[in-house]
C-alpha atoms as a PDB file:
ATOM      1  CA  MET A   1       0.129   0.061   0.063  1.00  0.00           C
ATOM      2  CA  ALA A   2       0.578   3.585  -1.078  1.00  0.00           C
ATOM      3  CA  GLU A   3       2.590   5.721   2.165  1.00  0.00           C
ATOM      4  CA  VAL A   4       0.414   8.935   2.752  1.00  0.00           C
ATOM      5  CA  LYS A   5       1.266  12.315   4.473  1.00  0.00           C
ATOM      6  CA  ASN A   6       1.199  12.513   7.786  1.00  0.00           C
ATOM      7  CA  LYS A   7       1.010  15.483   9.638  1.00  0.00           C
ATOM      8  CA  GLN A   8       2.471  15.363  13.739  1.00  0.00           C
ATOM      9  CA  VAL A   9       3.292  18.315  16.381  1.00  0.00           C
ATOM     10  CA  VAL A  10       6.716  17.572  18.104  1.00  0.00           C
ATOM     11  CA  LEU A  11       8.536  18.705  20.431  1.00  0.00           C
ATOM     12  CA  LYS A  12      11.840  20.941  19.226  1.00  0.00           C
ATOM     13  CA  ASP A  13      13.870  20.819  22.850  1.00  0.00           C
ATOM     14  CA  TYR A  14      12.905  20.656  26.647  1.00  0.00           C
ATOM     15  CA  VAL A  15      10.724  23.087  27.860  1.00  0.00           C
ATOM     16  CA  THR A  16      11.605  25.614  30.906  1.00  0.00           C
ATOM     17  CA  GLY A  17       9.486  28.298  32.572  1.00  0.00           C
ATOM     18  CA  PHE A  18       5.892  28.738  30.758  1.00  0.00           C
ATOM     19  CA  LEU A  19       5.272  26.799  27.362  1.00  0.00           C
ATOM     20  CA  LYS A  20       5.338  28.689  24.484  1.00  0.00           C
ATOM     21  CA  GLU A  21       3.850  27.994  20.870  1.00  0.00           C
ATOM     22  CA  SER A  22       7.125  28.116  19.304  1.00  0.00           C
ATOM     23  CA  ASP A  23       8.060  25.201  21.357  1.00  0.00           C
ATOM     24  CA  LEU A  24       6.178  23.270  19.051  1.00  0.00           C
ATOM     25  CA  ASP A  25       6.251  22.721  15.453  1.00  0.00           C
ATOM     26  CA  LEU A  26       4.205  20.954  12.663  1.00  0.00           C
ATOM     27  CA  VAL A  27       6.105  19.118  10.907  1.00  0.00           C
ATOM     28  CA  GLU A  28       4.849  16.369   7.844  1.00  0.00           C
ATOM     29  CA  ASN A  29       6.298  12.824   7.438  1.00  0.00           C
ATOM     30  CA  THR A  30       4.495  10.030   6.110  1.00  0.00           C
ATOM     31  CA  ILE A  31       3.403   6.580   6.861  1.00  0.00           C
ATOM     32  CA  THR A  32       2.103   3.451   5.177  1.00  0.00           C
ATOM     33  CA  LEU A  33      -1.299   2.420   5.930  1.00  0.00           C
ATOM     34  CA  LYS A  34      -0.339  -1.293   6.236  1.00  0.00           C
ATOM     35  CA  LEU A  35       0.714  -3.141   9.312  1.00  0.00           C
ATOM     36  CA  PRO A  36       3.836  -4.617   9.601  1.00  0.00           C
ATOM     37  CA  GLU A  37       3.960  -8.547   8.892  1.00  0.00           C
ATOM     38  CA  GLY A  38       3.119 -10.283  12.490  1.00  0.00           C
ATOM     39  CA  SER A  39       2.634  -7.368  14.025  1.00  0.00           C
ATOM     40  CA  ASN A  40      -0.080  -7.213  16.497  1.00  0.00           C
ATOM     41  CA  GLU A  41      -0.180  -3.674  17.444  1.00  0.00           C
ATOM     42  CA  ILE A  42      -3.233  -1.204  16.131  1.00  0.00           C
ATOM     43  CA  LEU A  43      -3.220   0.852  12.718  1.00  0.00           C
ATOM     44  CA  LEU A  44      -5.013   4.467  13.885  1.00  0.00           C
ATOM     45  CA  LYS A  45      -6.669   6.701  12.331  1.00  0.00           C
ATOM     46  CA  ASN A  46      -6.641   9.613  14.668  1.00  0.00           C
ATOM     47  CA  LEU A  47      -9.784  12.154  14.828  1.00  0.00           C
ATOM     48  CA  TYR A  48     -10.439  13.645  18.517  1.00  0.00           C
ATOM     49  CA  LEU A  49      -6.866  14.888  20.436  1.00  0.00           C
ATOM     50  CA  SER A  50      -7.598  15.699  24.481  1.00  0.00           C
ATOM     51  CA  CYS A  51      -5.519  19.221  25.524  1.00  0.00           C
ATOM     52  CA  ASP A  52      -4.498  18.242  28.870  1.00  0.00           C
ATOM     53  CA  PRO A  53      -2.679  20.214  31.937  1.00  0.00           C
ATOM     54  CA  PHE A  54      -0.332  17.350  32.332  1.00  0.00           C
ATOM     55  CA  MET A  55       1.228  17.304  28.795  1.00  0.00           C
ATOM     56  CA  ARG A  56       3.580  20.185  30.012  1.00  0.00           C
ATOM     57  CA  ASN A  57       5.100  18.093  32.779  1.00  0.00           C
ATOM     58  CA  LEU A  58       6.468  15.731  29.793  1.00  0.00           C
ATOM     59  CA  MET A  59       8.132  18.464  28.211  1.00  0.00           C
ATOM     60  CA  SER A  60      10.824  18.460  31.199  1.00  0.00           C
ATOM     61  CA  ASP A  61      14.023  16.100  30.792  1.00  0.00           C
ATOM     62  CA  ILE A  62      13.167  15.187  34.216  1.00  0.00           C
ATOM     63  CA  GLY A  63      10.369  12.729  34.801  1.00  0.00           C
ATOM     64  CA  ILE A  64       7.902  14.342  36.868  1.00  0.00           C
ATOM     65  CA  LEU A  65       4.989  12.053  36.297  1.00  0.00           C
ATOM     66  CA  GLU A  66       5.956   8.377  36.863  1.00  0.00           C
ATOM     67  CA  LYS A  67       3.563   7.223  34.713  1.00  0.00           C
ATOM     68  CA  PHE A  68       4.709   7.926  31.410  1.00  0.00           C
ATOM     69  CA  LEU A  69       8.062   9.069  30.101  1.00  0.00           C
ATOM     70  CA  PRO A  70       9.170  12.256  29.104  1.00  0.00           C
ATOM     71  CA  TYR A  71       8.631  13.474  25.774  1.00  0.00           C
ATOM     72  CA  ALA A  72      11.525  12.813  23.308  1.00  0.00           C
ATOM     73  CA  PRO A  73      12.250  16.152  21.389  1.00  0.00           C
ATOM     74  CA  GLY A  74      11.544  15.966  18.029  1.00  0.00           C
ATOM     75  CA  SER A  75       8.942  13.134  18.131  1.00  0.00           C
ATOM     76  CA  PRO A  76       5.130  13.784  18.297  1.00  0.00           C
ATOM     77  CA  LEU A  77       3.161  14.721  21.359  1.00  0.00           C
ATOM     78  CA  PHE A  78       0.832  12.114  22.879  1.00  0.00           C
ATOM     79  CA  GLY A  79      -2.152  11.908  25.286  1.00  0.00           C
ATOM     80  CA  TYR A  80      -5.412  10.718  25.038  1.00  0.00           C
ATOM     81  CA  GLY A  81      -7.670  10.576  21.736  1.00  0.00           C
ATOM     82  CA  VAL A  82     -10.585   9.142  20.299  1.00  0.00           C
ATOM     83  CA  ALA A  83      -9.224   7.444  17.077  1.00  0.00           C
ATOM     84  CA  LYS A  84     -10.568   4.633  14.572  1.00  0.00           C
ATOM     85  CA  VAL A  85      -9.020   0.952  14.153  1.00  0.00           C
ATOM     86  CA  LEU A  86      -7.776   0.939  11.023  1.00  0.00           C
ATOM     87  CA  GLU A  87      -6.097  -2.508  10.904  1.00  0.00           C
ATOM     88  CA  SER A  88      -5.620  -4.442  14.155  1.00  0.00           C
ATOM     89  CA  GLY A  89      -2.805  -7.432  14.711  1.00  0.00           C
ATOM     90  CA  HIS A  90      -5.187  -7.961  18.466  1.00  0.00           C
ATOM     91  CA  PRO A  91      -8.130  -9.760  18.568  1.00  0.00           C
ATOM     92  CA  ASP A  92      -9.814  -7.500  20.355  1.00  0.00           C
ATOM     93  CA  TYR A  93     -10.289  -4.884  18.417  1.00  0.00           C
ATOM     94  CA  LYS A  94     -11.501  -4.877  14.159  1.00  0.00           C
ATOM     95  CA  LYS A  95     -11.032  -2.618  11.189  1.00  0.00           C
ATOM     96  CA  GLY A  96     -13.818   0.361  11.917  1.00  0.00           C
ATOM     97  CA  ASP A  97     -13.739  -0.222  15.697  1.00  0.00           C
ATOM     98  CA  LEU A  98     -13.782   3.234  17.755  1.00  0.00           C
ATOM     99  CA  VAL A  99     -11.342   3.396  20.859  1.00  0.00           C
ATOM    100  CA  TRP A 100     -10.093   5.675  23.506  1.00  0.00           C
ATOM    101  CA  GLY A 101      -6.565   5.234  24.563  1.00  0.00           C
ATOM    102  CA  PHE A 102      -3.378   6.895  24.462  1.00  0.00           C
ATOM    103  CA  THR A 103      -1.980   8.046  21.256  1.00  0.00           C
ATOM    104  CA  LYS A 104       0.163  10.404  18.718  1.00  0.00           C
ATOM    105  CA  TRP A 105      -0.345  13.740  18.107  1.00  0.00           C
ATOM    106  CA  GLU A 106      -0.506  13.238  14.532  1.00  0.00           C
ATOM    107  CA  GLU A 107      -2.961  11.657  11.493  1.00  0.00           C
ATOM    108  CA  TYR A 108      -2.228   8.423  11.797  1.00  0.00           C
ATOM    109  CA  SER A 109      -0.952   6.029  14.503  1.00  0.00           C
ATOM    110  CA  LEU A 110       0.642   2.717  14.770  1.00  0.00           C
ATOM    111  CA  VAL A 111       0.546   1.872  18.541  1.00  0.00           C
ATOM    112  CA  PRO A 112       0.740  -1.031  20.604  1.00  0.00           C
ATOM    113  CA  SER A 113      -2.702  -3.203  22.088  1.00  0.00           C
ATOM    114  CA  SER A 114      -2.057  -1.860  25.187  1.00  0.00           C
ATOM    115  CA  ARG A 115      -1.950   2.077  24.557  1.00  0.00           C
ATOM    116  CA  ILE A 116      -5.798   1.048  24.070  1.00  0.00           C
ATOM    117  CA  LEU A 117      -7.732   2.017  27.251  1.00  0.00           C
ATOM    118  CA  PHE A 118     -11.531   0.634  25.965  1.00  0.00           C
ATOM    119  CA  LYS A 119     -13.359   0.310  23.243  1.00  0.00           C
ATOM    120  CA  ILE A 120     -16.339   2.898  22.553  1.00  0.00           C
ATOM    121  CA  GLU A 121     -19.750   1.207  22.750  1.00  0.00           C
ATOM    122  CA  HIS A 122     -21.948   4.482  23.411  1.00  0.00           C
ATOM    123  CA  THR A 123     -22.137   5.789  19.989  1.00  0.00           C
ATOM    124  CA  ASP A 124     -25.113   8.322  20.694  1.00  0.00           C
ATOM    125  CA  VAL A 125     -23.457  10.525  22.577  1.00  0.00           C
ATOM    126  CA  PRO A 126     -20.452  12.674  20.532  1.00  0.00           C
ATOM    127  CA  LEU A 127     -17.398  10.949  20.590  1.00  0.00           C
ATOM    128  CA  SER A 128     -15.337  14.669  21.498  1.00  0.00           C
ATOM    129  CA  TYR A 129     -16.863  13.805  24.997  1.00  0.00           C
ATOM    130  CA  TYR A 130     -14.866  10.733  25.018  1.00  0.00           C
ATOM    131  CA  THR A 131     -12.003  13.369  25.440  1.00  0.00           C
ATOM    132  CA  GLY A 132     -13.747  14.648  28.709  1.00  0.00           C
ATOM    133  CA  ILE A 133     -16.823  14.148  30.404  1.00  0.00           C
ATOM    134  CA  LEU A 134     -16.177  10.207  29.091  1.00  0.00           C
ATOM    135  CA  GLY A 135     -12.836  10.033  29.557  1.00  0.00           C
ATOM    136  CA  MET A 136      -9.466  11.365  31.659  1.00  0.00           C
ATOM    137  CA  PRO A 137     -11.472  14.329  33.280  1.00  0.00           C
ATOM    138  CA  GLY A 138     -14.333  12.656  33.763  1.00  0.00           C
ATOM    139  CA  MET A 139     -13.462  10.145  35.201  1.00  0.00           C
ATOM    140  CA  THR A 140     -10.749  12.486  37.884  1.00  0.00           C
ATOM    141  CA  ALA A 141     -14.492  13.990  38.417  1.00  0.00           C
ATOM    142  CA  TYR A 142     -16.477  10.859  39.548  1.00  0.00           C
ATOM    143  CA  ALA A 143     -13.656   9.291  41.422  1.00  0.00           C
ATOM    144  CA  GLY A 144     -12.325  12.309  43.100  1.00  0.00           C
ATOM    145  CA  PHE A 145     -15.724  13.666  44.453  1.00  0.00           C
ATOM    146  CA  PHE A 146     -17.688  10.207  44.682  1.00  0.00           C
ATOM    147  CA  GLU A 147     -14.792   8.125  46.440  1.00  0.00           C
ATOM    148  CA  VAL A 148     -12.842  10.286  47.560  1.00  0.00           C
ATOM    149  CA  GLY A 149     -14.814  13.535  49.026  1.00  0.00           C
ATOM    150  CA  LEU A 150     -17.803  11.030  49.485  1.00  0.00           C
ATOM    151  CA  PRO A 151     -20.293  13.693  49.719  1.00  0.00           C
ATOM    152  CA  LYS A 152     -23.330  13.580  51.682  1.00  0.00           C
ATOM    153  CA  LYS A 153     -26.453  15.780  51.207  1.00  0.00           C
ATOM    154  CA  GLY A 154     -26.188  19.330  52.106  1.00  0.00           C
ATOM    155  CA  GLU A 155     -23.183  19.561  52.482  1.00  0.00           C
ATOM    156  CA  LYS A 156     -21.465  22.482  51.362  1.00  0.00           C
ATOM    157  CA  VAL A 157     -18.634  22.050  48.154  1.00  0.00           C
ATOM    158  CA  PHE A 158     -16.077  24.412  47.221  1.00  0.00           C
ATOM    159  CA  VAL A 159     -14.229  24.022  43.566  1.00  0.00           C
ATOM    160  CA  SER A 160     -11.298  25.781  41.877  1.00  0.00           C
ATOM    161  CA  ALA A 161     -10.716  26.222  38.394  1.00  0.00           C
ATOM    162  CA  ALA A 162     -14.383  25.648  38.479  1.00  0.00           C
ATOM    163  CA  SER A 163     -15.000  26.427  34.694  1.00  0.00           C
ATOM    164  CA  GLY A 164     -12.369  23.460  33.403  1.00  0.00           C
ATOM    165  CA  ALA A 165     -12.974  20.014  31.814  1.00  0.00           C
ATOM    166  CA  VAL A 166     -13.120  18.751  34.954  1.00  0.00           C
ATOM    167  CA  GLY A 167     -14.411  21.490  37.583  1.00  0.00           C
ATOM    168  CA  GLN A 168     -17.838  22.160  35.217  1.00  0.00           C
ATOM    169  CA  LEU A 169     -18.208  18.316  35.656  1.00  0.00           C
ATOM    170  CA  VAL A 170     -17.494  18.222  39.897  1.00  0.00           C
ATOM    171  CA  GLY A 171     -19.801  21.276  40.643  1.00  0.00           C
ATOM    172  CA  GLN A 172     -22.922  19.389  38.852  1.00  0.00           C
ATOM    173  CA  PHE A 173     -22.256  15.783  40.423  1.00  0.00           C
ATOM    174  CA  ALA A 174     -22.069  17.983  43.414  1.00  0.00           C
ATOM    175  CA  LYS A 175     -25.746  19.259  42.778  1.00  0.00           C
ATOM    176  CA  LEU A 176     -27.202  16.405  41.761  1.00  0.00           C
ATOM    177  CA  THR A 177     -26.126  14.846  45.270  1.00  0.00           C
ATOM    178  CA  GLY A 178     -28.049  17.661  46.886  1.00  0.00           C
ATOM    179  CA  CYS A 179     -25.329  20.028  48.351  1.00  0.00           C
ATOM    180  CA  TYR A 180     -24.601  23.203  48.371  1.00  0.00           C
ATOM    181  CA  VAL A 181     -21.298  24.253  45.750  1.00  0.00           C
ATOM    182  CA  VAL A 182     -19.486  27.244  44.963  1.00  0.00           C
ATOM    183  CA  GLY A 183     -16.875  27.637  42.246  1.00  0.00           C
ATOM    184  CA  SER A 184     -14.253  29.743  41.390  1.00  0.00           C
ATOM    185  CA  ALA A 185     -13.050  30.795  37.928  1.00  0.00           C
ATOM    186  CA  GLY A 186     -10.994  33.568  36.663  1.00  0.00           C
ATOM    187  CA  SER A 187     -13.348  35.859  34.129  1.00  0.00           C
ATOM    188  CA  LYS A 188     -16.913  37.311  34.507  1.00  0.00           C
ATOM    189  CA  ASP A 189     -17.599  34.979  31.550  1.00  0.00           C
ATOM    190  CA  LYS A 190     -16.818  32.044  32.815  1.00  0.00           C
ATOM    191  CA  VAL A 191     -18.346  32.993  36.810  1.00  0.00           C
ATOM    192  CA  ASP A 192     -21.800  33.721  34.498  1.00  0.00           C
ATOM    193  CA  LEU A 193     -21.200  30.275  32.616  1.00  0.00           C
ATOM    194  CA  LEU A 194     -21.014  28.243  36.070  1.00  0.00           C
ATOM    195  CA  LYS A 195     -24.159  29.501  37.732  1.00  0.00           C
ATOM    196  CA  ASN A 196     -26.283  30.031  34.761  1.00  0.00           C
ATOM    197  CA  LYS A 197     -24.951  26.982  32.631  1.00  0.00           C
ATOM    198  CA  PHE A 198     -23.689  24.518  35.157  1.00  0.00           C
ATOM    199  CA  GLY A 199     -25.920  25.348  37.986  1.00  0.00           C
ATOM    200  CA  PHE A 200     -23.272  26.279  40.888  1.00  0.00           C
ATOM    201  CA  ASP A 201     -25.079  28.007  43.885  1.00  0.00           C
ATOM    202  CA  ASP A 202     -23.236  30.804  43.263  1.00  0.00           C
ATOM    203  CA  ALA A 203     -19.366  31.864  41.908  1.00  0.00           C
ATOM    204  CA  PHE A 204     -16.783  34.152  42.156  1.00  0.00           C
ATOM    205  CA  ASN A 205     -14.058  35.768  40.036  1.00  0.00           C
ATOM    206  CA  TYR A 206     -10.650  34.888  42.086  1.00  0.00           C
ATOM    207  CA  LYS A 207      -9.033  37.879  40.765  1.00  0.00           C
ATOM    208  CA  GLU A 208     -11.309  40.301  42.324  1.00  0.00           C
ATOM    209  CA  GLU A 209     -11.109  39.448  45.723  1.00  0.00           C
ATOM    210  CA  PRO A 210      -7.931  40.641  47.407  1.00  0.00           C
ATOM    211  CA  ASP A 211      -8.804  38.149  50.494  1.00  0.00           C
ATOM    212  CA  LEU A 212      -9.831  35.226  49.298  1.00  0.00           C
ATOM    213  CA  ASP A 213     -10.001  34.268  53.014  1.00  0.00           C
ATOM    214  CA  ALA A 214     -12.483  37.152  53.299  1.00  0.00           C
ATOM    215  CA  ALA A 215     -14.296  35.540  50.072  1.00  0.00           C
ATOM    216  CA  LEU A 216     -14.520  31.623  51.319  1.00  0.00           C
ATOM    217  CA  LYS A 217     -15.858  33.070  54.825  1.00  0.00           C
ATOM    218  CA  ARG A 218     -18.587  35.573  52.517  1.00  0.00           C
ATOM    219  CA  TYR A 219     -19.687  32.282  50.965  1.00  0.00           C
ATOM    220  CA  PHE A 220     -19.406  29.736  53.702  1.00  0.00           C
ATOM    221  CA  PRO A 221     -19.979  31.184  56.834  1.00  0.00           C
ATOM    222  CA  GLU A 222     -19.979  27.777  58.458  1.00  0.00           C
ATOM    223  CA  GLY A 223     -16.983  26.577  56.378  1.00  0.00           C
ATOM    224  CA  ILE A 224     -16.230  24.393  53.904  1.00  0.00           C
ATOM    225  CA  ASP A 225     -17.058  20.762  53.921  1.00  0.00           C
ATOM    226  CA  ILE A 226     -15.394  19.496  50.619  1.00  0.00           C
ATOM    227  CA  TYR A 227     -12.465  21.286  48.819  1.00  0.00           C
ATOM    228  CA  PHE A 228     -11.638  19.728  44.873  1.00  0.00           C
ATOM    229  CA  GLU A 229      -8.567  20.937  44.072  1.00  0.00           C
ATOM    230  CA  ASN A 230      -7.667  22.242  41.104  1.00  0.00           C
ATOM    231  CA  VAL A 231      -5.290  25.236  41.682  1.00  0.00           C
ATOM    232  CA  GLY A 232      -2.941  25.203  44.976  1.00  0.00           C
ATOM    233  CA  GLY A 233      -0.876  27.806  46.040  1.00  0.00           C
ATOM    234  CA  LYS A 234      -3.021  31.211  47.676  1.00  0.00           C
ATOM    235  CA  THR A 235      -6.244  29.411  47.382  1.00  0.00           C
ATOM    236  CA  LEU A 236      -5.675  26.312  49.032  1.00  0.00           C
ATOM    237  CA  ASP A 237      -4.018  28.138  51.926  1.00  0.00           C
ATOM    238  CA  ALA A 238      -7.349  30.274  52.436  1.00  0.00           C
ATOM    239  CA  VAL A 239      -9.462  26.732  52.084  1.00  0.00           C
ATOM    240  CA  LEU A 240      -7.443  25.629  55.122  1.00  0.00           C
ATOM    241  CA  LEU A 241      -8.376  28.400  57.302  1.00  0.00           C
ATOM    242  CA  ASN A 242     -12.416  27.280  56.061  1.00  0.00           C
ATOM    243  CA  MET A 243     -12.437  23.441  55.798  1.00  0.00           C
ATOM    244  CA  ARG A 244     -14.883  22.113  58.395  1.00  0.00           C
ATOM    245  CA  VAL A 245     -14.131  19.256  61.418  1.00  0.00           C
ATOM    246  CA  HIS A 246     -14.198  16.122  59.087  1.00  0.00           C
ATOM    247  CA  GLY A 247     -13.960  18.002  55.898  1.00  0.00           C
ATOM    248  CA  ARG A 248     -12.211  15.948  53.150  1.00  0.00           C
ATOM    249  CA  ILE A 249     -10.000  17.982  50.497  1.00  0.00           C
ATOM    250  CA  VAL A 250      -9.951  16.095  47.254  1.00  0.00           C
ATOM    251  CA  VAL A 251      -6.217  16.570  45.471  1.00  0.00           C
ATOM    252  CA  CYS A 252      -7.290  16.654  41.905  1.00  0.00           C
ATOM    253  CA  GLY A 253      -4.555  13.888  40.427  1.00  0.00           C
ATOM    254  CA  MET A 254      -3.902  10.824  38.303  1.00  0.00           C
ATOM    255  CA  ILE A 255      -6.942   8.318  40.419  1.00  0.00           C
ATOM    256  CA  SER A 256      -6.311   4.522  40.212  1.00  0.00           C
ATOM    257  CA  GLN A 257      -9.769   4.572  37.825  1.00  0.00           C
ATOM    258  CA  TYR A 258      -7.896   5.930  35.246  1.00  0.00           C
ATOM    259  CA  ASN A 259      -6.357   1.806  34.603  1.00  0.00           C
ATOM    260  CA  ARG A 260      -9.704  -0.223  34.557  1.00  0.00           C
ATOM    261  CA  ALA A 261     -10.460  -0.946  31.486  1.00  0.00           C
ATOM    262  CA  GLN A 262     -13.835   0.099  31.574  1.00  0.00           C
ATOM    263  CA  PRO A 263     -14.544   2.708  33.370  1.00  0.00           C
ATOM    264  CA  GLU A 264     -18.179   1.275  34.282  1.00  0.00           C
ATOM    265  CA  GLY A 265     -18.970   3.668  37.114  1.00  0.00           C
ATOM    266  CA  LEU A 266     -18.695   6.685  35.357  1.00  0.00           C
ATOM    267  CA  VAL A 267     -20.475   5.979  31.973  1.00  0.00           C
ATOM    268  CA  GLU A 268     -23.416   4.273  33.487  1.00  0.00           C
ATOM    269  CA  TYR A 269     -24.085   7.388  35.728  1.00  0.00           C
ATOM    270  CA  VAL A 270     -22.976  10.186  33.233  1.00  0.00           C
ATOM    271  CA  VAL A 271     -24.336   8.793  29.598  1.00  0.00           C
ATOM    272  CA  PRO A 272     -28.695   8.630  30.971  1.00  0.00           C
ATOM    273  CA  LYS A 273     -27.642  12.328  32.803  1.00  0.00           C
ATOM    274  CA  ILE A 274     -26.440  13.451  29.443  1.00  0.00           C
ATOM    275  CA  LYS A 275     -29.584  12.165  27.608  1.00  0.00           C
ATOM    276  CA  GLU A 276     -31.428  13.042  30.165  1.00  0.00           C
ATOM    277  CA  GLU A 277     -30.029  17.079  29.972  1.00  0.00           C
ATOM    278  CA  LYS A 278     -29.124  16.872  33.910  1.00  0.00           C
ATOM    279  CA  ILE A 279     -25.557  17.023  33.023  1.00  0.00           C
ATOM    280  CA  VAL A 280     -24.338  19.503  30.396  1.00  0.00           C
ATOM    281  CA  TYR A 281     -21.100  19.884  28.814  1.00  0.00           C
ATOM    282  CA  VAL A 282     -18.862  22.452  27.590  1.00  0.00           C
ATOM    283  CA  GLU A 283     -16.463  21.909  25.181  1.00  0.00           C
ATOM    284  CA  ASP A 284     -13.736  24.670  23.194  1.00  0.00           C
ATOM    285  CA  ILE A 285     -12.845  23.040  19.872  1.00  0.00           C
ATOM    286  CA  ALA A 286      -9.821  23.804  18.053  1.00  0.00           C
ATOM    287  CA  GLU A 287      -9.793  22.180  14.414  1.00  0.00           C
ATOM    288  CA  GLY A 288      -6.937  20.632  12.835  1.00  0.00           C
ATOM    289  CA  LEU A 289      -3.604  19.879  14.268  1.00  0.00           C
ATOM    290  CA  GLU A 290      -1.942  22.836  12.530  1.00  0.00           C
ATOM    291  CA  ASN A 291      -4.167  24.632  15.301  1.00  0.00           C
ATOM    292  CA  GLY A 292      -2.829  22.067  18.057  1.00  0.00           C
ATOM    293  CA  PRO A 293       0.139  24.041  19.743  1.00  0.00           C
ATOM    294  CA  ALA A 294      -1.981  27.661  20.414  1.00  0.00           C
ATOM    295  CA  ALA A 295      -4.860  25.212  22.022  1.00  0.00           C
ATOM    296  CA  LEU A 296      -2.251  23.247  24.317  1.00  0.00           C
ATOM    297  CA  VAL A 297      -0.738  26.931  25.095  1.00  0.00           C
ATOM    298  CA  GLY A 298      -3.893  28.222  25.532  1.00  0.00           C
ATOM    299  CA  LEU A 299      -4.679  26.078  29.068  1.00  0.00           C
ATOM    300  CA  PHE A 300      -2.260  27.404  30.574  1.00  0.00           C
ATOM    301  CA  ASN A 301      -2.894  31.584  30.360  1.00  0.00           C
ATOM    302  CA  GLY A 302      -6.519  31.114  30.689  1.00  0.00           C
ATOM    303  CA  ARG A 303      -8.005  31.411  26.901  1.00  0.00           C
ATOM    304  CA  ASN A 304     -10.128  28.119  27.287  1.00  0.00           C
ATOM    305  CA  VAL A 305     -13.399  28.063  27.851  1.00  0.00           C
ATOM    306  CA  GLY A 306     -14.676  24.458  29.326  1.00  0.00           C
ATOM    307  CA  LYS A 307     -12.957  21.239  28.005  1.00  0.00           C
ATOM    308  CA  GLN A 308     -10.476  22.136  25.350  1.00  0.00           C
ATOM    309  CA  VAL A 309     -10.227  19.460  22.650  1.00  0.00           C
ATOM    310  CA  LEU A 310      -7.952  18.955  19.191  1.00  0.00           C
ATOM    311  CA  VAL A 311     -10.261  18.047  16.130  1.00  0.00           C
ATOM    312  CA  LEU A 312      -8.131  16.104  13.116  1.00  0.00           C
ATOM    313  CA  ALA A 313     -11.759  14.123  11.738  1.00  0.00           C
ATOM    314  CA  ARG A 314     -14.702  13.485  11.920  1.00  0.00           C
ATOM    315  CA  GLU A 315     -15.105  10.143  10.968  1.00  0.00           C
END
């Protein structure tokens, strides 16, 4: 079979300081759309790529995340994504299957079968949701809030970075559980989104609060039962002064549920509520691999509203 062109986003060199678009490069290579003889790998056409903050940690020459090796300069980025199987050397997958797992930031990828986390069965919701609400951010929100936070009806919940991919879900899970929930965000538009679209009881712009301790006492005069921690720093310092006895702080990170073959609890809980419109999800869509660097950098300056998704192809 003839070779085809394969655009890729590669890391130019290890990054220090803030990530810039110039740290990444769009290159064009070629790939043969046929498995090597005897291979048990999977040939994928990448459809939707997830832009995630943890990817910045892989751009340093030290391994900050135990789960992943750092990116190699000159090689494509990799992360979570939705893809279509073009050819499979593994019995669990066949041509035409839609899958979610680890793939490279390129149009076509040849990956080990171990990189595929699960086959997508629910195709009656947008496929892009598997980069967010039904993917890693959704699992983070679900496992963090329910399995670590252990919420009870009537408890007081505070969510930082509340309009992001994880925070917007935590707030809605809290409301569905019968909790009082307040979120913080970094702009008026995001605060409006929290109150008017996601159903938070209240929200505030942390940039307009010179005294975060006083702000939290205003919204939580009796203290905070559950804090879903997405930011650290001064916000965490203020929260610690306002936690109730037996309160729980959920530190957002890589929770054990990620490695399950099928995240059943999340899917069974969330998919019906999406269909019933009891949960809404906001995505920030960037089109085309060439816009990948800008989309990824935008995560770190608040440019995105909701889950940042990079669309390569829709089928």
